[in-house]
């Protein structure tokens, strides 16, 4: 009812900047998000063949997914310094997500994700258990406040851009838009791989998974 609305110009975001170099992938994401992707049995969509990892046994399938998305660790042979060619995230308030990190004895050199190109040094910090009587001795250790970000939940991955995405769905998504959220973290079909444990079998070829989209909550 505000009179200001007459002066407001509504702008629409219609370009997927993550997948700008892969228009087919961008169009696929848009159809999934809008609930317009072709379905079987009203709710199951087909994963593009160049994105899907066939499910056989759990261990073998997960290993195949990891091999498809993660490069191998590289080492220069030195004991005090090596290269970690995988993404990490900080257990503190920093956002650390770049590859090619260097561990140099007492400091960890890396790149802060929100500030591209900015190199920082993370020191080891002392960690102690809570001040209760759980242990008969005082335990104190120093370690770097990071951990390898091999996996995270769909909700944790929101708003992140991940160059190589591996999606493991042992069960179908259960909330509105979750499938779009996890697929849209990637930048292309080539760099996004999906492993689905089939819940339903269809006569059609391909791998299918459940899509949950409530069209009534979407705006035109």
C-alpha atoms as a PDB file:
ATOM      1  CA  UNK A   1       0.000   0.000   0.000  1.00  0.00           C
ATOM      2  CA  UNK A   2       3.022   2.299   0.156  1.00  0.00           C
ATOM      3  CA  UNK A   3       2.997   5.147  -2.406  1.00  0.00           C
ATOM      4  CA  UNK A   4       6.702   4.446  -2.953  1.00  0.00           C
ATOM      5  CA  UNK A   5       5.933   1.294  -4.974  1.00  0.00           C
ATOM      6  CA  UNK A   6       4.926   3.422  -7.974  1.00  0.00           C
ATOM      7  CA  UNK A   7       8.564   4.559  -8.205  1.00  0.00           C
ATOM      8  CA  UNK A   8      10.096   1.133  -7.702  1.00  0.00           C
ATOM      9  CA  UNK A   9      11.570  -0.710 -10.665  1.00  0.00           C
ATOM     10  CA  UNK A  10      11.754  -4.458 -10.239  1.00  0.00           C
ATOM     11  CA  UNK A  11      14.893  -6.122 -11.568  1.00  0.00           C
ATOM     12  CA  UNK A  12      15.138  -9.841 -12.215  1.00  0.00           C
ATOM     13  CA  UNK A  13      18.220 -12.021 -11.919  1.00  0.00           C
ATOM     14  CA  UNK A  14      18.115 -14.209 -15.020  1.00  0.00           C
ATOM     15  CA  UNK A  15      21.743 -15.220 -15.615  1.00  0.00           C
ATOM     16  CA  UNK A  16      23.405 -18.004 -13.660  1.00  0.00           C
ATOM     17  CA  UNK A  17      26.889 -16.550 -13.197  1.00  0.00           C
ATOM     18  CA  UNK A  18      28.282 -19.805 -11.810  1.00  0.00           C
ATOM     19  CA  UNK A  19      27.361 -21.753 -14.932  1.00  0.00           C
ATOM     20  CA  UNK A  20      27.682 -18.931 -17.434  1.00  0.00           C
ATOM     21  CA  UNK A  21      30.139 -20.980 -19.515  1.00  0.00           C
ATOM     22  CA  UNK A  22      27.794 -23.991 -19.712  1.00  0.00           C
ATOM     23  CA  UNK A  23      24.385 -22.797 -20.997  1.00  0.00           C
ATOM     24  CA  UNK A  24      22.957 -26.336 -21.138  1.00  0.00           C
ATOM     25  CA  UNK A  25      23.763 -26.857 -17.463  1.00  0.00           C
ATOM     26  CA  UNK A  26      22.324 -23.446 -16.598  1.00  0.00           C
ATOM     27  CA  UNK A  27      19.085 -24.249 -18.444  1.00  0.00           C
ATOM     28  CA  UNK A  28      18.860 -27.623 -16.681  1.00  0.00           C
ATOM     29  CA  UNK A  29      19.232 -25.925 -13.282  1.00  0.00           C
ATOM     30  CA  UNK A  30      16.531 -23.414 -14.159  1.00  0.00           C
ATOM     31  CA  UNK A  31      14.091 -26.165 -15.140  1.00  0.00           C
ATOM     32  CA  UNK A  32      14.818 -28.068 -11.918  1.00  0.00           C
ATOM     33  CA  UNK A  33      14.388 -24.957  -9.771  1.00  0.00           C
ATOM     34  CA  UNK A  34      11.139 -23.952 -11.472  1.00  0.00           C
ATOM     35  CA  UNK A  35       9.730 -27.459 -11.367  1.00  0.00           C
ATOM     36  CA  UNK A  36       9.599 -27.635 -15.181  1.00  0.00           C
ATOM     37  CA  UNK A  37      12.037 -30.507 -15.751  1.00  0.00           C
ATOM     38  CA  UNK A  38      10.342 -33.519 -17.326  1.00  0.00           C
ATOM     39  CA  UNK A  39       9.316 -36.052 -14.698  1.00  0.00           C
ATOM     40  CA  UNK A  40       8.291 -39.671 -14.364  1.00  0.00           C
ATOM     41  CA  UNK A  41       5.602 -40.663 -11.892  1.00  0.00           C
ATOM     42  CA  UNK A  42       5.063 -36.911 -11.286  1.00  0.00           C
ATOM     43  CA  UNK A  43       8.136 -36.444  -9.069  1.00  0.00           C
ATOM     44  CA  UNK A  44      11.214 -38.231 -10.447  1.00  0.00           C
ATOM     45  CA  UNK A  45      13.625 -36.476 -12.803  1.00  0.00           C
ATOM     46  CA  UNK A  46      16.429 -37.976 -14.832  1.00  0.00           C
ATOM     47  CA  UNK A  47      20.008 -37.030 -13.972  1.00  0.00           C
ATOM     48  CA  UNK A  48      21.915 -36.101 -17.160  1.00  0.00           C
ATOM     49  CA  UNK A  49      24.090 -39.014 -18.240  1.00  0.00           C
ATOM     50  CA  UNK A  50      27.289 -36.956 -18.204  1.00  0.00           C
ATOM     51  CA  UNK A  51      26.620 -36.041 -14.555  1.00  0.00           C
ATOM     52  CA  UNK A  52      25.591 -39.409 -13.152  1.00  0.00           C
ATOM     53  CA  UNK A  53      27.747 -42.072 -11.480  1.00  0.00           C
ATOM     54  CA  UNK A  54      26.220 -45.582 -11.695  1.00  0.00           C
ATOM     55  CA  UNK A  55      25.383 -47.129  -8.322  1.00  0.00           C
ATOM     56  CA  UNK A  56      26.651 -50.657  -7.727  1.00  0.00           C
ATOM     57  CA  UNK A  57      27.897 -51.410  -4.239  1.00  0.00           C
ATOM     58  CA  UNK A  58      28.049 -48.552  -1.737  1.00  0.00           C
ATOM     59  CA  UNK A  59      31.819 -48.576  -1.205  1.00  0.00           C
ATOM     60  CA  UNK A  60      32.697 -48.982  -4.868  1.00  0.00           C
ATOM     61  CA  UNK A  61      30.215 -46.316  -5.944  1.00  0.00           C
ATOM     62  CA  UNK A  62      31.409 -43.756  -3.390  1.00  0.00           C
ATOM     63  CA  UNK A  63      35.027 -44.438  -4.389  1.00  0.00           C
ATOM     64  CA  UNK A  64      34.081 -43.846  -8.029  1.00  0.00           C
ATOM     65  CA  UNK A  65      32.400 -40.561  -7.080  1.00  0.00           C
ATOM     66  CA  UNK A  66      35.467 -39.394  -5.141  1.00  0.00           C
ATOM     67  CA  UNK A  67      37.794 -40.341  -7.990  1.00  0.00           C
ATOM     68  CA  UNK A  68      35.636 -38.339 -10.397  1.00  0.00           C
ATOM     69  CA  UNK A  69      35.694 -35.079  -8.447  1.00  0.00           C
ATOM     70  CA  UNK A  70      38.851 -34.889  -6.298  1.00  0.00           C
ATOM     71  CA  UNK A  71      42.383 -34.553  -7.620  1.00  0.00           C
ATOM     72  CA  UNK A  72      45.051 -36.622  -5.911  1.00  0.00           C
ATOM     73  CA  UNK A  73      47.229 -35.249  -3.130  1.00  0.00           C
ATOM     74  CA  UNK A  74      50.548 -33.899  -4.295  1.00  0.00           C
ATOM     75  CA  UNK A  75      53.707 -33.883  -2.203  1.00  0.00           C
ATOM     76  CA  UNK A  76      57.150 -32.467  -2.829  1.00  0.00           C
ATOM     77  CA  UNK A  77      58.775 -35.034  -0.585  1.00  0.00           C
ATOM     78  CA  UNK A  78      59.771 -32.607   2.163  1.00  0.00           C
ATOM     79  CA  UNK A  79      58.838 -33.412   5.746  1.00  0.00           C
ATOM     80  CA  UNK A  80      58.235 -29.843   6.882  1.00  0.00           C
ATOM     81  CA  UNK A  81      56.362 -28.493   3.858  1.00  0.00           C
ATOM     82  CA  UNK A  82      53.870 -30.012   1.450  1.00  0.00           C
ATOM     83  CA  UNK A  83      51.067 -29.029  -0.865  1.00  0.00           C
ATOM     84  CA  UNK A  84      47.442 -29.927  -0.187  1.00  0.00           C
ATOM     85  CA  UNK A  85      45.566 -29.862  -3.484  1.00  0.00           C
ATOM     86  CA  UNK A  86      42.107 -30.083  -1.982  1.00  0.00           C
ATOM     87  CA  UNK A  87      39.652 -27.631  -0.506  1.00  0.00           C
ATOM     88  CA  UNK A  88      39.543 -26.975   3.218  1.00  0.00           C
ATOM     89  CA  UNK A  89      37.322 -24.948   5.510  1.00  0.00           C
ATOM     90  CA  UNK A  90      38.138 -23.263   8.763  1.00  0.00           C
ATOM     91  CA  UNK A  91      36.689 -24.403  12.071  1.00  0.00           C
ATOM     92  CA  UNK A  92      36.838 -20.780  13.223  1.00  0.00           C
ATOM     93  CA  UNK A  93      35.292 -17.671  11.670  1.00  0.00           C
ATOM     94  CA  UNK A  94      37.472 -17.513   8.575  1.00  0.00           C
ATOM     95  CA  UNK A  95      36.238 -18.721   5.199  1.00  0.00           C
ATOM     96  CA  UNK A  96      39.083 -20.756   3.746  1.00  0.00           C
ATOM     97  CA  UNK A  97      38.340 -22.646   0.567  1.00  0.00           C
ATOM     98  CA  UNK A  98      41.111 -22.373  -2.000  1.00  0.00           C
ATOM     99  CA  UNK A  99      43.405 -25.151  -3.136  1.00  0.00           C
ATOM    100  CA  UNK A 100      47.195 -25.128  -3.272  1.00  0.00           C
ATOM    101  CA  UNK A 101      47.587 -24.545   0.466  1.00  0.00           C
ATOM    102  CA  UNK A 102      51.007 -24.726   2.069  1.00  0.00           C
ATOM    103  CA  UNK A 103      51.747 -26.143   5.497  1.00  0.00           C
ATOM    104  CA  UNK A 104      54.988 -24.617   6.787  1.00  0.00           C
ATOM    105  CA  UNK A 105      55.844 -26.014  10.215  1.00  0.00           C
ATOM    106  CA  UNK A 106      53.958 -23.661  12.589  1.00  0.00           C
ATOM    107  CA  UNK A 107      51.834 -21.749  10.067  1.00  0.00           C
ATOM    108  CA  UNK A 108      49.322 -22.661   7.397  1.00  0.00           C
ATOM    109  CA  UNK A 109      49.375 -20.442   4.305  1.00  0.00           C
ATOM    110  CA  UNK A 110      46.106 -20.323   2.389  1.00  0.00           C
ATOM    111  CA  UNK A 111      43.625 -18.097   0.553  1.00  0.00           C
ATOM    112  CA  UNK A 112      40.516 -16.638   2.169  1.00  0.00           C
ATOM    113  CA  UNK A 113      37.562 -17.547  -0.013  1.00  0.00           C
ATOM    114  CA  UNK A 114      35.627 -14.303   0.380  1.00  0.00           C
ATOM    115  CA  UNK A 115      38.692 -12.242  -0.585  1.00  0.00           C
ATOM    116  CA  UNK A 116      40.092 -13.767  -3.788  1.00  0.00           C
ATOM    117  CA  UNK A 117      43.851 -13.593  -3.986  1.00  0.00           C
ATOM    118  CA  UNK A 118      44.388 -12.561  -0.355  1.00  0.00           C
ATOM    119  CA  UNK A 119      46.982 -14.798   1.273  1.00  0.00           C
ATOM    120  CA  UNK A 120      46.831 -15.316   5.024  1.00  0.00           C
ATOM    121  CA  UNK A 121      48.692 -17.338   7.655  1.00  0.00           C
ATOM    122  CA  UNK A 122      46.767 -19.403  10.185  1.00  0.00           C
ATOM    123  CA  UNK A 123      48.750 -20.356  13.308  1.00  0.00           C
ATOM    124  CA  UNK A 124      48.238 -23.416  15.425  1.00  0.00           C
ATOM    125  CA  UNK A 125      46.040 -22.720  18.431  1.00  0.00           C
ATOM    126  CA  UNK A 126      45.908 -24.449  21.833  1.00  0.00           C
ATOM    127  CA  UNK A 127      42.867 -26.624  22.426  1.00  0.00           C
ATOM    128  CA  UNK A 128      41.821 -27.835  25.873  1.00  0.00           C
ATOM    129  CA  UNK A 129      38.856 -29.902  27.084  1.00  0.00           C
ATOM    130  CA  UNK A 130      36.196 -28.268  29.211  1.00  0.00           C
ATOM    131  CA  UNK A 131      36.943 -27.518  32.848  1.00  0.00           C
ATOM    132  CA  UNK A 132      35.184 -30.494  34.337  1.00  0.00           C
ATOM    133  CA  UNK A 133      36.362 -33.657  36.033  1.00  0.00           C
ATOM    134  CA  UNK A 134      36.141 -35.773  32.918  1.00  0.00           C
ATOM    135  CA  UNK A 135      39.886 -36.484  32.914  1.00  0.00           C
ATOM    136  CA  UNK A 136      42.258 -36.946  35.866  1.00  0.00           C
ATOM    137  CA  UNK A 137      44.856 -34.857  34.017  1.00  0.00           C
ATOM    138  CA  UNK A 138      45.010 -31.615  32.045  1.00  0.00           C
ATOM    139  CA  UNK A 139      45.147 -32.258  28.298  1.00  0.00           C
ATOM    140  CA  UNK A 140      46.340 -29.520  25.997  1.00  0.00           C
ATOM    141  CA  UNK A 141      47.322 -29.717  22.353  1.00  0.00           C
ATOM    142  CA  UNK A 142      47.996 -27.371  19.465  1.00  0.00           C
ATOM    143  CA  UNK A 143      46.576 -27.833  16.007  1.00  0.00           C
ATOM    144  CA  UNK A 144      45.545 -25.848  12.958  1.00  0.00           C
ATOM    145  CA  UNK A 145      41.894 -24.651  13.009  1.00  0.00           C
ATOM    146  CA  UNK A 146      41.042 -26.303   9.702  1.00  0.00           C
ATOM    147  CA  UNK A 147      39.735 -29.568   8.348  1.00  0.00           C
ATOM    148  CA  UNK A 148      39.430 -31.056   4.897  1.00  0.00           C
ATOM    149  CA  UNK A 149      36.060 -30.200   3.404  1.00  0.00           C
ATOM    150  CA  UNK A 150      35.470 -33.501   1.684  1.00  0.00           C
ATOM    151  CA  UNK A 151      31.783 -33.393   2.446  1.00  0.00           C
ATOM    152  CA  UNK A 152      29.019 -31.195   3.775  1.00  0.00           C
ATOM    153  CA  UNK A 153      25.248 -31.245   3.916  1.00  0.00           C
ATOM    154  CA  UNK A 154      23.080 -29.613   1.264  1.00  0.00           C
ATOM    155  CA  UNK A 155      22.036 -26.833   3.663  1.00  0.00           C
ATOM    156  CA  UNK A 156      25.662 -26.157   4.625  1.00  0.00           C
ATOM    157  CA  UNK A 157      26.584 -25.799   0.941  1.00  0.00           C
ATOM    158  CA  UNK A 158      24.104 -22.996   0.223  1.00  0.00           C
ATOM    159  CA  UNK A 159      25.500 -19.833  -1.390  1.00  0.00           C
ATOM    160  CA  UNK A 160      28.856 -21.503  -2.090  1.00  0.00           C
ATOM    161  CA  UNK A 161      30.478 -21.928  -5.491  1.00  0.00           C
ATOM    162  CA  UNK A 162      32.384 -25.204  -5.676  1.00  0.00           C
ATOM    163  CA  UNK A 163      34.531 -25.904  -8.769  1.00  0.00           C
ATOM    164  CA  UNK A 164      34.201 -29.702  -8.455  1.00  0.00           C
ATOM    165  CA  UNK A 165      30.953 -30.974  -6.949  1.00  0.00           C
ATOM    166  CA  UNK A 166      30.127 -34.534  -5.980  1.00  0.00           C
ATOM    167  CA  UNK A 167      26.549 -35.159  -4.879  1.00  0.00           C
ATOM    168  CA  UNK A 168      25.831 -38.332  -2.909  1.00  0.00           C
ATOM    169  CA  UNK A 169      22.141 -39.088  -2.395  1.00  0.00           C
ATOM    170  CA  UNK A 170      21.714 -42.323  -0.423  1.00  0.00           C
ATOM    171  CA  UNK A 171      18.142 -41.087   0.101  1.00  0.00           C
ATOM    172  CA  UNK A 172      16.062 -38.676  -1.912  1.00  0.00           C
ATOM    173  CA  UNK A 173      15.803 -35.043  -0.890  1.00  0.00           C
ATOM    174  CA  UNK A 174      12.888 -34.268   1.389  1.00  0.00           C
ATOM    175  CA  UNK A 175      12.514 -30.475   1.254  1.00  0.00           C
ATOM    176  CA  UNK A 176      11.456 -27.941  -1.341  1.00  0.00           C
ATOM    177  CA  UNK A 177      14.280 -26.835  -3.654  1.00  0.00           C
ATOM    178  CA  UNK A 178      17.053 -28.902  -2.071  1.00  0.00           C
ATOM    179  CA  UNK A 179      17.883 -30.653  -5.327  1.00  0.00           C
ATOM    180  CA  UNK A 180      18.288 -27.321  -7.099  1.00  0.00           C
ATOM    181  CA  UNK A 181      20.456 -25.987  -4.272  1.00  0.00           C
ATOM    182  CA  UNK A 182      22.935 -28.844  -4.395  1.00  0.00           C
ATOM    183  CA  UNK A 183      23.127 -29.034  -8.202  1.00  0.00           C
ATOM    184  CA  UNK A 184      23.594 -25.280  -8.556  1.00  0.00           C
ATOM    185  CA  UNK A 185      26.767 -25.248  -6.435  1.00  0.00           C
ATOM    186  CA  UNK A 186      28.646 -26.448  -9.532  1.00  0.00           C
ATOM    187  CA  UNK A 187      29.868 -24.532 -12.559  1.00  0.00           C
ATOM    188  CA  UNK A 188      29.285 -27.097 -15.318  1.00  0.00           C
ATOM    189  CA  UNK A 189      28.027 -30.579 -16.085  1.00  0.00           C
ATOM    190  CA  UNK A 190      31.596 -31.829 -16.488  1.00  0.00           C
ATOM    191  CA  UNK A 191      32.531 -30.729 -12.958  1.00  0.00           C
ATOM    192  CA  UNK A 192      29.321 -31.883 -11.267  1.00  0.00           C
ATOM    193  CA  UNK A 193      28.866 -35.593 -10.587  1.00  0.00           C
ATOM    194  CA  UNK A 194      25.864 -37.228  -8.938  1.00  0.00           C
ATOM    195  CA  UNK A 195      25.612 -40.593  -7.211  1.00  0.00           C
ATOM    196  CA  UNK A 196      22.055 -41.712  -6.474  1.00  0.00           C
ATOM    197  CA  UNK A 197      21.017 -44.876  -4.675  1.00  0.00           C
ATOM    198  CA  UNK A 198      17.938 -45.807  -6.725  1.00  0.00           C
ATOM    199  CA  UNK A 199      14.668 -45.879  -4.811  1.00  0.00           C
ATOM    200  CA  UNK A 200      12.534 -46.681  -7.840  1.00  0.00           C
ATOM    201  CA  UNK A 201      13.228 -48.490 -11.066  1.00  0.00           C
ATOM    202  CA  UNK A 202      11.713 -47.408 -14.368  1.00  0.00           C
ATOM    203  CA  UNK A 203      11.546 -48.974 -17.790  1.00  0.00           C
ATOM    204  CA  UNK A 204      13.293 -45.896 -19.176  1.00  0.00           C
ATOM    205  CA  UNK A 205      17.067 -45.762 -19.347  1.00  0.00           C
ATOM    206  CA  UNK A 206      18.992 -43.434 -17.065  1.00  0.00           C
ATOM    207  CA  UNK A 207      19.239 -42.611 -13.375  1.00  0.00           C
ATOM    208  CA  UNK A 208      16.307 -40.919 -11.628  1.00  0.00           C
ATOM    209  CA  UNK A 209      15.875 -39.181  -8.298  1.00  0.00           C
ATOM    210  CA  UNK A 210      13.009 -37.538  -6.463  1.00  0.00           C
ATOM    211  CA  UNK A 211      12.478 -33.792  -6.946  1.00  0.00           C
ATOM    212  CA  UNK A 212      10.526 -31.818  -4.352  1.00  0.00           C
ATOM    213  CA  UNK A 213       9.212 -28.490  -5.677  1.00  0.00           C
ATOM    214  CA  UNK A 214       6.028 -26.770  -4.504  1.00  0.00           C
ATOM    215  CA  UNK A 215       5.070 -24.651  -7.503  1.00  0.00           C
ATOM    216  CA  UNK A 216       2.511 -22.741  -5.458  1.00  0.00           C
ATOM    217  CA  UNK A 217       5.306 -20.984  -3.529  1.00  0.00           C
ATOM    218  CA  UNK A 218       7.145 -19.847  -6.683  1.00  0.00           C
ATOM    219  CA  UNK A 219       6.624 -16.327  -7.974  1.00  0.00           C
ATOM    220  CA  UNK A 220       6.143 -15.527 -11.664  1.00  0.00           C
END
